[in-house]
């Protein structure tokens, strides 16, 4: 139930922003076909508003199916999000509120990148060792 309300809110705001000419480009990050009627209406009623579509899946999962119904109403589509793009789109590790107080991220972005790199390195080493054992016939 909540998810539907979120979808409705997203598309209502998109249509309102387009109708009020609050933007000339909209980018939707979704692969949900339930949003297709709203994109169709924006596309038909306000043809000068450009629509971009970003499919929320990792670059490693490129084989996943995309919603052709959404793509039909988009001027362009980005079929995946790279881990670096996602990390770079996050808020900074430290922010200031309107009282000038510092707000720190619980886990700094730099630490997450380091941990991700370490996991990738371990994964590559494990693959190399497994391949070496396979080639030598040991197991």
Protein backbone atom coordinates (compact mmCIF):
# COMPACT_ATOMS: atom_id res chain seq x y z
CA UNK A 1 0.00 0.00 0.00
CA UNK A 2 2.74 2.49 0.94
CA UNK A 3 4.71 1.71 -2.22
CA UNK A 4 1.72 2.62 -4.38
CA UNK A 5 1.32 5.90 -2.54
CA UNK A 6 5.00 6.62 -3.21
CA UNK A 7 4.56 5.89 -6.91
CA UNK A 8 1.49 8.11 -7.06
CA UNK A 9 3.35 10.93 -5.30
CA UNK A 10 6.33 10.64 -7.63
CA UNK A 11 4.26 10.84 -10.80
CA UNK A 12 1.95 13.56 -9.47
CA UNK A 13 4.96 15.74 -8.66
CA UNK A 14 6.52 14.97 -12.03
CA UNK A 15 3.35 15.98 -13.86
CA UNK A 16 2.88 19.10 -11.74
CA UNK A 17 6.50 20.19 -12.26
CA UNK A 18 6.16 19.63 -16.00
CA UNK A 19 2.82 21.46 -16.21
CA UNK A 20 4.16 24.40 -14.18
CA UNK A 21 7.26 24.48 -16.38
CA UNK A 22 9.44 24.06 -13.30
CA UNK A 23 11.92 22.14 -15.46
CA UNK A 24 12.69 21.24 -19.04
CA UNK A 25 14.20 17.80 -18.28
CA UNK A 26 12.89 15.12 -15.93
CA UNK A 27 14.87 12.04 -14.95
CA UNK A 28 13.05 9.06 -13.51
CA UNK A 29 15.05 6.30 -11.83
CA UNK A 30 12.68 3.35 -12.04
CA UNK A 31 11.80 0.22 -13.95
CA UNK A 32 8.22 0.09 -12.64
CA UNK A 33 5.62 -0.23 -15.39
CA UNK A 34 2.98 1.28 -13.06
CA UNK A 35 4.55 4.68 -13.82
CA UNK A 36 4.03 4.34 -17.58
CA UNK A 37 0.65 6.14 -17.80
CA UNK A 38 2.07 9.25 -16.15
CA UNK A 39 5.10 9.31 -18.45
CA UNK A 40 2.77 8.87 -21.42
CA UNK A 41 0.67 11.84 -20.26
CA UNK A 42 3.69 14.08 -19.74
CA UNK A 43 5.07 13.01 -23.12
CA UNK A 44 1.71 13.67 -24.89
CA UNK A 45 0.57 16.81 -23.03
CA UNK A 46 3.94 18.51 -22.68
CA UNK A 47 6.11 17.34 -25.59
CA UNK A 48 8.77 19.99 -25.00
CA UNK A 49 9.66 18.43 -21.61
CA UNK A 50 12.46 15.92 -22.13
CA UNK A 51 12.28 12.70 -20.13
CA UNK A 52 15.29 10.63 -19.13
CA UNK A 53 15.06 7.14 -17.68
CA UNK A 54 17.68 5.54 -15.43
CA UNK A 55 17.21 1.84 -14.75
CA UNK A 56 18.06 1.13 -11.09
CA UNK A 57 20.34 -1.87 -11.52
CA UNK A 58 24.05 -2.42 -11.30
CA UNK A 59 26.28 -2.48 -14.36
CA UNK A 60 27.05 -6.11 -13.52
CA UNK A 61 23.35 -6.97 -13.93
CA UNK A 62 22.93 -5.68 -17.48
CA UNK A 63 21.03 -8.81 -18.54
CA UNK A 64 18.04 -7.91 -16.35
CA UNK A 65 14.88 -7.03 -18.25
CA UNK A 66 13.91 -3.42 -18.69
CA UNK A 67 10.42 -1.98 -18.95
CA UNK A 68 9.90 -1.26 -22.63
CA UNK A 69 6.67 0.57 -21.79
CA UNK A 70 8.64 3.18 -19.80
CA UNK A 71 11.41 3.44 -22.39
CA UNK A 72 8.85 4.20 -25.10
CA UNK A 73 8.16 7.58 -23.44
CA UNK A 74 11.75 8.50 -22.59
CA UNK A 75 14.03 10.60 -24.79
CA UNK A 76 17.01 8.67 -23.45
CA UNK A 77 17.70 5.69 -21.19
CA UNK A 78 20.67 4.83 -19.01
CA UNK A 79 20.50 1.05 -18.61
CA UNK A 80 22.52 0.70 -15.41
CA UNK A 81 24.20 2.53 -12.55
CA UNK A 82 27.89 1.91 -11.89
CA UNK A 83 28.95 1.54 -8.25
CA UNK A 84 31.16 4.64 -8.59
CA UNK A 85 28.23 6.71 -9.92
CA UNK A 86 26.07 5.62 -7.01
CA UNK A 87 28.80 6.39 -4.47
CA UNK A 88 29.45 9.80 -6.07
CA UNK A 89 25.76 10.70 -5.94
CA UNK A 90 25.56 10.37 -2.15
CA UNK A 91 25.59 13.33 0.21
CA UNK A 92 28.97 14.35 1.64
CA UNK A 93 30.22 12.67 4.83
CA UNK A 94 29.81 15.96 6.74
CA UNK A 95 27.01 18.52 6.41
CA UNK A 96 25.90 21.62 8.29
CA UNK A 97 22.28 22.20 9.29
CA UNK A 98 20.52 25.58 9.32
CA UNK A 99 21.84 26.21 12.88
CA UNK A 100 25.37 25.60 11.57
CA UNK A 101 25.68 22.36 13.53
CA UNK A 102 27.78 19.61 11.95
CA UNK A 103 26.03 16.43 10.91
CA UNK A 104 28.37 13.49 10.34
CA UNK A 105 27.58 10.41 8.32
CA UNK A 106 27.70 7.31 10.52
CA UNK A 107 29.97 5.52 8.05
CA UNK A 108 32.16 7.83 5.95
CA UNK A 109 31.91 7.41 2.19
CA UNK A 110 35.69 7.00 1.96
CA UNK A 111 35.48 4.04 4.38
CA UNK A 112 32.72 2.43 2.30
CA UNK A 113 34.84 2.77 -0.84
CA UNK A 114 37.82 1.24 0.96
CA UNK A 115 35.70 -1.66 2.21
CA UNK A 116 34.26 -2.22 -1.26
CA UNK A 117 37.77 -2.24 -2.74
CA UNK A 118 38.93 -4.74 -0.11
CA UNK A 119 35.97 -7.03 -0.83
CA UNK A 120 36.65 -6.85 -4.57
CA UNK A 121 40.35 -7.62 -3.97
CA UNK A 122 39.52 -10.65 -1.79
CA UNK A 123 37.03 -11.84 -4.40
CA UNK A 124 39.63 -11.56 -7.18
CA UNK A 125 42.26 -13.40 -5.10
CA UNK A 126 39.76 -16.16 -4.27
CA UNK A 127 38.87 -16.53 -7.95
CA UNK A 128 42.57 -16.71 -8.85
CA UNK A 129 43.26 -19.36 -6.18
CA UNK A 130 40.23 -21.41 -7.23
CA UNK A 131 41.29 -21.23 -10.87
CA UNK A 132 44.87 -22.22 -9.96
CA UNK A 133 43.63 -25.22 -7.95
CA UNK A 134 41.37 -26.23 -10.81
CA UNK A 135 44.22 -26.01 -13.33
CA UNK A 136 46.53 -28.13 -11.17
CA UNK A 137 43.82 -30.70 -10.51
CA UNK A 138 43.96 -30.10 -6.72
CA UNK A 139 40.77 -29.68 -4.76
